[in-house]
Structures are given as C-alpha cells and as structure tokens.
Amino acid sequence: MQMLYNSDNFAVLQIDVPVPGDDASAPVRGGFEIVDKFARKGIFIEGAVARGFKDGVQALIDSGPTEEALDDYIAGYTALAQQPVRLH
C-alpha cells in the first residue's frame, strides 16, 4: 500500500496484491482506494476503471496541475463512493 495523494479533501492509496506463487515476477493485482474526507466515504477501483483513473491523473500531472484541478478530477470518482469510512 502506498499513499499517492493526500489533500484536505481526498486521500488516494495504491494497493498492489501479488498473485500467489513462487515466481517473484508473477503478475500483480491491485487498484486504488480513494477516500473523500468530507463525505467520509471511500471507493476501491480496479481493472479498466483504475487504468482510466491512472491515465487521467498522469495527463493532469503532465499539464502541471493545481491541487484544485486534481481534487476536481478525483471528485468525479468519489461520486460513486458507497463505503462509509469508519475509525476503529
């Protein structure tokens, strides 16, 4: 798990899960967990959605984004969030 982005509004974590096996070069599964701090909800995206998210973030980074631009982009994904964030 790696923290990729942390603002006042959102946190984005990259989660990689190795496929079981003895081979160190085995493929890795994973995705992104996105937490909306104000709504206190999160979503985990993987597969094609995760690739689209990553490509969109990379395009923003290449254009020299502001924190506001990144937050606006991430907000489009958190609109789908259903999981409440709970503290233990």
PDB file of N, CA and C in Angstrom:
ATOM      1  N   MET A   1       0.855  -1.163   0.000  1.00  0.00           N
ATOM      2  CA  MET A   1       0.000   0.000   0.000  1.00  0.00           C
ATOM      3  C   MET A   1       0.904   1.231   0.000  1.00  0.00           C
ATOM      4  N   GLN A   2       0.562   2.182  -0.846  1.00  0.00           N
ATOM      5  CA  GLN A   2       1.364   3.388  -0.965  1.00  0.00           C
ATOM      6  C   GLN A   2       0.445   4.593  -1.090  1.00  0.00           C
ATOM      7  N   MET A   3       0.686   5.621  -0.258  1.00  0.00           N
ATOM      8  CA  MET A   3      -0.070   6.869  -0.338  1.00  0.00           C
ATOM      9  C   MET A   3       0.419   7.640  -1.554  1.00  0.00           C
ATOM     10  N   LEU A   4      -0.498   7.927  -2.477  1.00  0.00           N
ATOM     11  CA  LEU A   4      -0.139   8.658  -3.687  1.00  0.00           C
ATOM     12  C   LEU A   4      -0.515  10.127  -3.621  1.00  0.00           C
ATOM     13  N   TYR A   5      -1.596  10.429  -2.913  1.00  0.00           N
ATOM     14  CA  TYR A   5      -2.091  11.798  -2.873  1.00  0.00           C
ATOM     15  C   TYR A   5      -2.817  12.007  -1.560  1.00  0.00           C
ATOM     16  N   ASN A   6      -2.589  13.167  -0.940  1.00  0.00           N
ATOM     17  CA  ASN A   6      -3.260  13.484   0.308  1.00  0.00           C
ATOM     18  C   ASN A   6      -3.465  14.990   0.362  1.00  0.00           C
ATOM     19  N   SER A   7      -4.722  15.406   0.257  1.00  0.00           N
ATOM     20  CA  SER A   7      -5.054  16.825   0.348  1.00  0.00           C
ATOM     21  C   SER A   7      -6.038  16.996   1.496  1.00  0.00           C
ATOM     22  N   ASP A   8      -6.529  18.208   1.668  1.00  0.00           N
ATOM     23  CA  ASP A   8      -7.536  18.443   2.706  1.00  0.00           C
ATOM     24  C   ASP A   8      -8.834  17.703   2.394  1.00  0.00           C
ATOM     25  N   ASN A   9      -9.074  17.416   1.105  1.00  0.00           N
ATOM     26  CA  ASN A   9     -10.335  16.811   0.680  1.00  0.00           C
ATOM     27  C   ASN A   9     -10.267  15.307   0.424  1.00  0.00           C
ATOM     28  N   PHE A  10      -9.146  14.826  -0.109  1.00  0.00           N
ATOM     29  CA  PHE A  10      -9.062  13.443  -0.572  1.00  0.00           C
ATOM     30  C   PHE A  10      -7.748  12.788  -0.181  1.00  0.00           C
ATOM     31  N   ALA A  11      -7.799  11.460  -0.106  1.00  0.00           N
ATOM     32  CA  ALA A  11      -6.595  10.638   0.017  1.00  0.00           C
ATOM     33  C   ALA A  11      -6.705   9.543  -1.030  1.00  0.00           C
ATOM     34  N   VAL A  12      -5.590   9.265  -1.718  1.00  0.00           N
ATOM     35  CA  VAL A  12      -5.553   8.213  -2.731  1.00  0.00           C
ATOM     36  C   VAL A  12      -4.424   7.263  -2.374  1.00  0.00           C
ATOM     37  N   LEU A  13      -4.777   5.984  -2.239  1.00  0.00           N
ATOM     38  CA  LEU A  13      -3.803   4.941  -1.937  1.00  0.00           C
ATOM     39  C   LEU A  13      -3.740   3.964  -3.086  1.00  0.00           C
ATOM     40  N   GLN A  14      -2.534   3.537  -3.423  1.00  0.00           N
ATOM     41  CA  GLN A  14      -2.366   2.481  -4.422  1.00  0.00           C
ATOM     42  C   GLN A  14      -2.146   1.186  -3.658  1.00  0.00           C
ATOM     43  N   ILE A  15      -2.919   0.172  -4.004  1.00  0.00           N
ATOM     44  CA  ILE A  15      -2.827  -1.123  -3.340  1.00  0.00           C
ATOM     45  C   ILE A  15      -2.480  -2.169  -4.386  1.00  0.00           C
ATOM     46  N   ASP A  16      -1.347  -2.854  -4.169  1.00  0.00           N
ATOM     47  CA  ASP A  16      -0.904  -3.923  -5.057  1.00  0.00           C
ATOM     48  C   ASP A  16      -0.912  -5.231  -4.287  1.00  0.00           C
ATOM     49  N   VAL A  17      -1.539  -6.238  -4.859  1.00  0.00           N
ATOM     50  CA  VAL A  17      -1.631  -7.556  -4.237  1.00  0.00           C
ATOM     51  C   VAL A  17      -0.975  -8.565  -5.174  1.00  0.00           C
ATOM     52  N   PRO A  18       0.161  -9.158  -4.776  1.00  0.00           N
ATOM     53  CA  PRO A  18       0.805 -10.135  -5.653  1.00  0.00           C
ATOM     54  C   PRO A  18      -0.055 -11.387  -5.815  1.00  0.00           C
ATOM     55  N   VAL A  19      -0.020 -11.938  -6.989  1.00  0.00           N
ATOM     56  CA  VAL A  19      -0.718 -13.190  -7.252  1.00  0.00           C
ATOM     57  C   VAL A  19       0.079 -14.309  -6.571  1.00  0.00           C
ATOM     58  N   PRO A  20      -0.582 -15.202  -5.828  1.00  0.00           N
ATOM     59  CA  PRO A  20       0.150 -16.249  -5.113  1.00  0.00           C
ATOM     60  C   PRO A  20       0.992 -17.116  -6.046  1.00  0.00           C
ATOM     61  N   GLY A  21       2.159 -17.472  -5.577  1.00  0.00           N
ATOM     62  CA  GLY A  21       3.061 -18.320  -6.351  1.00  0.00           C
ATOM     63  C   GLY A  21       4.493 -18.080  -5.938  1.00  0.00           C
ATOM     64  N   ASP A  22       5.360 -18.934  -6.408  1.00  0.00           N
ATOM     65  CA  ASP A  22       6.766 -18.831  -6.045  1.00  0.00           C
ATOM     66  C   ASP A  22       7.535 -17.869  -6.933  1.00  0.00           C
ATOM     67  N   ASP A  23       6.990 -17.514  -8.052  1.00  0.00           N
ATOM     68  CA  ASP A  23       7.683 -16.685  -9.027  1.00  0.00           C
ATOM     69  C   ASP A  23       7.629 -15.210  -8.609  1.00  0.00           C
ATOM     70  N   ALA A  24       8.792 -14.597  -8.401  1.00  0.00           N
ATOM     71  CA  ALA A  24       8.849 -13.193  -8.000  1.00  0.00           C
ATOM     72  C   ALA A  24       8.373 -12.262  -9.111  1.00  0.00           C
ATOM     73  N   SER A  25       8.403 -12.745 -10.357  1.00  0.00           N
ATOM     74  CA  SER A  25       7.963 -11.908 -11.471  1.00  0.00           C
ATOM     75  C   SER A  25       6.481 -12.141 -11.799  1.00  0.00           C
ATOM     76  N   ALA A  26       5.769 -12.790 -10.893  1.00  0.00           N
ATOM     77  CA  ALA A  26       4.348 -13.069 -11.104  1.00  0.00           C
ATOM     78  C   ALA A  26       3.573 -11.751 -11.217  1.00  0.00           C
ATOM     79  N   PRO A  27       2.472 -11.757 -11.945  1.00  0.00           N
ATOM     80  CA  PRO A  27       1.688 -10.535 -12.100  1.00  0.00           C
ATOM     81  C   PRO A  27       1.128 -10.058 -10.760  1.00  0.00           C
ATOM     82  N   VAL A  28       0.816  -8.788 -10.728  1.00  0.00           N
ATOM     83  CA  VAL A  28       0.292  -8.157  -9.519  1.00  0.00           C
ATOM     84  C   VAL A  28      -1.113  -7.647  -9.818  1.00  0.00           C
ATOM     85  N   ARG A  29      -2.042  -7.878  -8.886  1.00  0.00           N
ATOM     86  CA  ARG A  29      -3.381  -7.305  -8.969  1.00  0.00           C
ATOM     87  C   ARG A  29      -3.405  -6.099  -8.057  1.00  0.00           C
ATOM     88  N   GLY A  30      -4.360  -5.275  -8.226  1.00  0.00           N
ATOM     89  CA  GLY A  30      -4.484  -4.145  -7.326  1.00  0.00           C
ATOM     90  C   GLY A  30      -5.377  -3.070  -7.890  1.00  0.00           C
ATOM     91  N   GLY A  31      -5.297  -1.924  -7.273  1.00  0.00           N
ATOM     92  CA  GLY A  31      -6.113  -0.802  -7.695  1.00  0.00           C
ATOM     93  C   GLY A  31      -5.850   0.389  -6.805  1.00  0.00           C
ATOM     94  N   PHE A  32      -6.841   1.256  -6.728  1.00  0.00           N
ATOM     95  CA  PHE A  32      -6.713   2.484  -5.957  1.00  0.00           C
ATOM     96  C   PHE A  32      -7.872   2.597  -4.980  1.00  0.00           C
ATOM     97  N   GLU A  33      -7.555   2.982  -3.765  1.00  0.00           N
ATOM     98  CA  GLU A  33      -8.586   3.322  -2.790  1.00  0.00           C
ATOM     99  C   GLU A  33      -8.621   4.835  -2.710  1.00  0.00           C
ATOM    100  N   ILE A  34      -9.800   5.390  -2.911  1.00  0.00           N
ATOM    101  CA  ILE A  34      -9.981   6.839  -2.883  1.00  0.00           C
ATOM    102  C   ILE A  34     -10.933   7.161  -1.740  1.00  0.00           C
ATOM    103  N   VAL A  35     -10.496   8.055  -0.854  1.00  0.00           N
ATOM    104  CA  VAL A  35     -11.292   8.433   0.310  1.00  0.00           C
ATOM    105  C   VAL A  35     -11.648   9.913   0.206  1.00  0.00           C
ATOM    106  N   ASP A  36     -12.942  10.195   0.297  1.00  0.00           N
ATOM    107  CA  ASP A  36     -13.439  11.572   0.369  1.00  0.00           C
ATOM    108  C   ASP A  36     -13.527  11.909   1.850  1.00  0.00           C
ATOM    109  N   LYS A  37     -12.658  12.780   2.315  1.00  0.00           N
ATOM    110  CA  LYS A  37     -12.559  13.064   3.745  1.00  0.00           C
ATOM    111  C   LYS A  37     -13.794  13.782   4.290  1.00  0.00           C
ATOM    112  N   PHE A  38     -14.408  14.654   3.502  1.00  0.00           N
ATOM    113  CA  PHE A  38     -15.568  15.393   3.992  1.00  0.00           C
ATOM    114  C   PHE A  38     -16.843  14.549   3.989  1.00  0.00           C
ATOM    115  N   ALA A  39     -17.031  13.767   2.945  1.00  0.00           N
ATOM    116  CA  ALA A  39     -18.209  12.889   2.877  1.00  0.00           C
ATOM    117  C   ALA A  39     -18.025  11.655   3.749  1.00  0.00           C
ATOM    118  N   ARG A  40     -16.770  11.390   4.148  1.00  0.00           N
ATOM    119  CA  ARG A  40     -16.412  10.228   4.958  1.00  0.00           C
ATOM    120  C   ARG A  40     -16.847   8.933   4.275  1.00  0.00           C
ATOM    121  N   LYS A  41     -16.554   8.873   2.966  1.00  0.00           N
ATOM    122  CA  LYS A  41     -16.850   7.686   2.166  1.00  0.00           C
ATOM    123  C   LYS A  41     -15.640   7.355   1.311  1.00  0.00           C
ATOM    124  N   GLY A  42     -15.543   6.088   0.932  1.00  0.00           N
ATOM    125  CA  GLY A  42     -14.437   5.666   0.100  1.00  0.00           C
ATOM    126  C   GLY A  42     -14.885   4.703  -0.974  1.00  0.00           C
ATOM    127  N   ILE A  43     -14.005   4.510  -1.946  1.00  0.00           N
ATOM    128  CA  ILE A  43     -14.270   3.591  -3.038  1.00  0.00           C
ATOM    129  C   ILE A  43     -12.952   2.932  -3.436  1.00  0.00           C
ATOM    130  N   PHE A  44     -13.030   1.663  -3.826  1.00  0.00           N
ATOM    131  CA  PHE A  44     -11.872   0.953  -4.348  1.00  0.00           C
ATOM    132  C   PHE A  44     -12.136   0.686  -5.811  1.00  0.00           C
ATOM    133  N   ILE A  45     -11.205   1.112  -6.664  1.00  0.00           N
ATOM    134  CA  ILE A  45     -11.358   0.888  -8.106  1.00  0.00           C
ATOM    135  C   ILE A  45     -10.221   0.001  -8.589  1.00  0.00           C
ATOM    136  N   GLU A  46     -10.538  -0.864  -9.547  1.00  0.00           N
ATOM    137  CA  GLU A  46      -9.534  -1.756 -10.119  1.00  0.00           C
ATOM    138  C   GLU A  46      -9.852  -1.998 -11.582  1.00  0.00           C
ATOM    139  N   GLY A  47      -8.979  -2.703 -12.256  1.00  0.00           N
ATOM    140  CA  GLY A  47      -9.200  -3.060 -13.656  1.00  0.00           C
ATOM    141  C   GLY A  47      -9.201  -1.857 -14.580  1.00  0.00           C
ATOM    142  N   ALA A  48     -10.130  -1.858 -15.510  1.00  0.00           N
ATOM    143  CA  ALA A  48     -10.197  -0.805 -16.529  1.00  0.00           C
ATOM    144  C   ALA A  48     -10.473   0.563 -15.910  1.00  0.00           C
ATOM    145  N   VAL A  49     -11.277   0.600 -14.866  1.00  0.00           N
ATOM    146  CA  VAL A  49     -11.571   1.875 -14.202  1.00  0.00           C
ATOM    147  C   VAL A  49     -10.302   2.441 -13.569  1.00  0.00           C
ATOM    148  N   ALA A  50      -9.514   1.581 -12.931  1.00  0.00           N
ATOM    149  CA  ALA A  50      -8.257   2.017 -12.315  1.00  0.00           C
ATOM    150  C   ALA A  50      -7.273   2.512 -13.372  1.00  0.00           C
ATOM    151  N   ARG A  51      -7.211   1.814 -14.501  1.00  0.00           N
ATOM    152  CA  ARG A  51      -6.320   2.260 -15.577  1.00  0.00           C
ATOM    153  C   ARG A  51      -6.752   3.624 -16.116  1.00  0.00           C
ATOM    154  N   GLY A  52      -8.058   3.817 -16.263  1.00  0.00           N
ATOM    155  CA  GLY A  52      -8.565   5.118 -16.708  1.00  0.00           C
ATOM    156  C   GLY A  52      -8.254   6.224 -15.714  1.00  0.00           C
ATOM    157  N   PHE A  53      -8.397   5.912 -14.431  1.00  0.00           N
ATOM    158  CA  PHE A  53      -8.070   6.875 -13.375  1.00  0.00           C
ATOM    159  C   PHE A  53      -6.594   7.249 -13.447  1.00  0.00           C
ATOM    160  N   LYS A  54      -5.734   6.239 -13.543  1.00  0.00           N
ATOM    161  CA  LYS A  54      -4.288   6.466 -13.593  1.00  0.00           C
ATOM    162  C   LYS A  54      -3.903   7.289 -14.818  1.00  0.00           C
ATOM    163  N   ASP A  55      -4.487   6.974 -15.974  1.00  0.00           N
ATOM    164  CA  ASP A  55      -4.194   7.727 -17.198  1.00  0.00           C
ATOM    165  C   ASP A  55      -4.640   9.185 -17.080  1.00  0.00           C
ATOM    166  N   GLY A  56      -5.801   9.398 -16.467  1.00  0.00           N
ATOM    167  CA  GLY A  56      -6.301  10.761 -16.281  1.00  0.00           C
ATOM    168  C   GLY A  56      -5.430  11.570 -15.339  1.00  0.00           C
ATOM    169  N   VAL A  57      -4.979  10.938 -14.262  1.00  0.00           N
ATOM    170  CA  VAL A  57      -4.085  11.625 -13.328  1.00  0.00           C
ATOM    171  C   VAL A  57      -2.764  11.947 -14.011  1.00  0.00           C
ATOM    172  N   GLN A  58      -2.237  11.004 -14.796  1.00  0.00           N
ATOM    173  CA  GLN A  58      -0.971  11.245 -15.498  1.00  0.00           C
ATOM    174  C   GLN A  58      -1.104  12.411 -16.473  1.00  0.00           C
ATOM    175  N   ALA A  59      -2.228  12.499 -17.167  1.00  0.00           N
ATOM    176  CA  ALA A  59      -2.450  13.614 -18.091  1.00  0.00           C
ATOM    177  C   ALA A  59      -2.484  14.943 -17.332  1.00  0.00           C
ATOM    178  N   LEU A  60      -3.102  14.947 -16.151  1.00  0.00           N
ATOM    179  CA  LEU A  60      -3.118  16.164 -15.341  1.00  0.00           C
ATOM    180  C   LEU A  60      -1.711  16.533 -14.878  1.00  0.00           C
ATOM    181  N   ILE A  61      -0.957  15.541 -14.433  1.00  0.00           N
ATOM    182  CA  ILE A  61       0.403  15.790 -13.958  1.00  0.00           C
ATOM    183  C   ILE A  61       1.262  16.359 -15.084  1.00  0.00           C
ATOM    184  N   ASP A  62       1.103  15.831 -16.281  1.00  0.00           N
ATOM    185  CA  ASP A  62       1.875  16.310 -17.425  1.00  0.00           C
ATOM    186  C   ASP A  62       1.565  17.765 -17.769  1.00  0.00           C
ATOM    187  N   SER A  63       0.358  18.223 -17.420  1.00  0.00           N
ATOM    188  CA  SER A  63      -0.031  19.607 -17.729  1.00  0.00           C
ATOM    189  C   SER A  63       0.269  20.570 -16.587  1.00  0.00           C
ATOM    190  N   GLY A  64       0.872  20.086 -15.501  1.00  0.00           N
ATOM    191  CA  GLY A  64       1.217  20.964 -14.374  1.00  0.00           C
ATOM    192  C   GLY A  64      -0.009  21.387 -13.586  1.00  0.00           C
ATOM    193  N   PRO A  65      -0.671  20.448 -12.934  1.00  0.00           N
ATOM    194  CA  PRO A  65      -1.952  20.747 -12.301  1.00  0.00           C
ATOM    195  C   PRO A  65      -1.814  21.515 -10.986  1.00  0.00           C
ATOM    196  N   THR A  66      -2.914  22.086 -10.587  1.00  0.00           N
ATOM    197  CA  THR A  66      -3.032  22.658  -9.252  1.00  0.00           C
ATOM    198  C   THR A  66      -3.705  21.615  -8.368  1.00  0.00           C
ATOM    199  N   GLU A  67      -3.644  21.826  -7.073  1.00  0.00           N
ATOM    200  CA  GLU A  67      -4.329  20.916  -6.154  1.00  0.00           C
ATOM    201  C   GLU A  67      -5.827  20.918  -6.434  1.00  0.00           C
ATOM    202  N   GLU A  68      -6.356  22.076  -6.789  1.00  0.00           N
ATOM    203  CA  GLU A  68      -7.787  22.180  -7.098  1.00  0.00           C
ATOM    204  C   GLU A  68      -8.160  21.328  -8.308  1.00  0.00           C
ATOM    205  N   ALA A  69      -7.320  21.321  -9.340  1.00  0.00           N
ATOM    206  CA  ALA A  69      -7.590  20.530 -10.544  1.00  0.00           C
ATOM    207  C   ALA A  69      -7.567  19.041 -10.220  1.00  0.00           C
ATOM    208  N   LEU A  70      -6.598  18.614  -9.420  1.00  0.00           N
ATOM    209  CA  LEU A  70      -6.544  17.200  -9.019  1.00  0.00           C
ATOM    210  C   LEU A  70      -7.759  16.830  -8.181  1.00  0.00           C
ATOM    211  N   ASP A  71      -8.127  17.692  -7.230  1.00  0.00           N
ATOM    212  CA  ASP A  71      -9.294  17.414  -6.392  1.00  0.00           C
ATOM    213  C   ASP A  71     -10.572  17.332  -7.222  1.00  0.00           C
ATOM    214  N   ASP A  72     -10.710  18.206  -8.215  1.00  0.00           N
ATOM    215  CA  ASP A  72     -11.896  18.164  -9.081  1.00  0.00           C
ATOM    216  C   ASP A  72     -11.964  16.851  -9.856  1.00  0.00           C
ATOM    217  N   TYR A  73     -10.810  16.396 -10.341  1.00  0.00           N
ATOM    218  CA  TYR A  73     -10.774  15.129 -11.085  1.00  0.00           C
ATOM    219  C   TYR A  73     -11.134  13.960 -10.168  1.00  0.00           C
ATOM    220  N   ILE A  74     -10.548  13.919  -9.000  1.00  0.00           N
ATOM    221  CA  ILE A  74     -10.806  12.834  -8.044  1.00  0.00           C
ATOM    222  C   ILE A  74     -12.260  12.836  -7.600  1.00  0.00           C
ATOM    223  N   ALA A  75     -12.854  14.007  -7.461  1.00  0.00           N
ATOM    224  CA  ALA A  75     -14.252  14.118  -7.039  1.00  0.00           C
ATOM    225  C   ALA A  75     -15.197  13.383  -7.987  1.00  0.00           C
ATOM    226  N   GLY A  76     -14.825  13.305  -9.259  1.00  0.00           N
ATOM    227  CA  GLY A  76     -15.645  12.568 -10.218  1.00  0.00           C
ATOM    228  C   GLY A  76     -15.735  11.084  -9.892  1.00  0.00           C
ATOM    229  N   TYR A  77     -14.712  10.552  -9.276  1.00  0.00           N
ATOM    230  CA  TYR A  77     -14.717   9.138  -8.892  1.00  0.00           C
ATOM    231  C   TYR A  77     -15.377   8.927  -7.537  1.00  0.00           C
ATOM    232  N   THR A  78     -15.244   9.877  -6.634  1.00  0.00           N
ATOM    233  CA  THR A  78     -15.833   9.690  -5.302  1.00  0.00           C
ATOM    234  C   THR A  78     -17.349   9.870  -5.318  1.00  0.00           C
ATOM    235  N   ALA A  79     -17.889  10.389  -6.413  1.00  0.00           N
ATOM    236  CA  ALA A  79     -19.348  10.485  -6.525  1.00  0.00           C
ATOM    237  C   ALA A  79     -19.973   9.094  -6.474  1.00  0.00           C
ATOM    238  N   LEU A  80     -19.195   8.073  -6.813  1.00  0.00           N
ATOM    239  CA  LEU A  80     -19.679   6.690  -6.795  1.00  0.00           C
ATOM    240  C   LEU A  80     -19.454   5.996  -5.448  1.00  0.00           C
ATOM    241  N   ALA A  81     -18.773   6.664  -4.523  1.00  0.00           N
ATOM    242  CA  ALA A  81     -18.394   6.039  -3.252  1.00  0.00           C
ATOM    243  C   ALA A  81     -19.619   5.690  -2.413  1.00  0.00           C
ATOM    244  N   GLN A  82     -19.638   4.470  -1.905  1.00  0.00           N
ATOM    245  CA  GLN A  82     -20.733   3.997  -1.064  1.00  0.00           C
ATOM    246  C   GLN A  82     -20.259   3.534   0.321  1.00  0.00           C
ATOM    247  N   GLN A  83     -18.975   3.177   0.426  1.00  0.00           N
ATOM    248  CA  GLN A  83     -18.453   2.628   1.675  1.00  0.00           C
ATOM    249  C   GLN A  83     -18.177   3.737   2.670  1.00  0.00           C
ATOM    250  N   PRO A  84     -18.841   3.730   3.831  1.00  0.00           N
ATOM    251  CA  PRO A  84     -18.525   4.741   4.839  1.00  0.00           C
ATOM    252  C   PRO A  84     -17.158   4.463   5.459  1.00  0.00           C
ATOM    253  N   VAL A  85     -16.440   5.528   5.758  1.00  0.00           N
ATOM    254  CA  VAL A  85     -15.140   5.394   6.429  1.00  0.00           C
ATOM    255  C   VAL A  85     -15.412   5.308   7.916  1.00  0.00           C
ATOM    256  N   ARG A  86     -14.862   4.280   8.550  1.00  0.00           N
ATOM    257  CA  ARG A  86     -15.053   4.080   9.985  1.00  0.00           C
ATOM    258  C   ARG A  86     -13.707   3.987  10.666  1.00  0.00           C
ATOM    259  N   LEU A  87     -13.623   4.598  11.798  1.00  0.00           N
ATOM    260  CA  LEU A  87     -12.409   4.533  12.592  1.00  0.00           C
ATOM    261  C   LEU A  87     -12.560   3.458  13.651  1.00  0.00           C
ATOM    262  N   HIS A  88     -11.509   2.709  13.871  1.00  0.00           N
ATOM    263  CA  HIS A  88     -11.554   1.652  14.879  1.00  0.00           C
ATOM    264  C   HIS A  88     -10.725   2.039  16.062  1.00  0.00           C
TER     265      HIS A  88
END
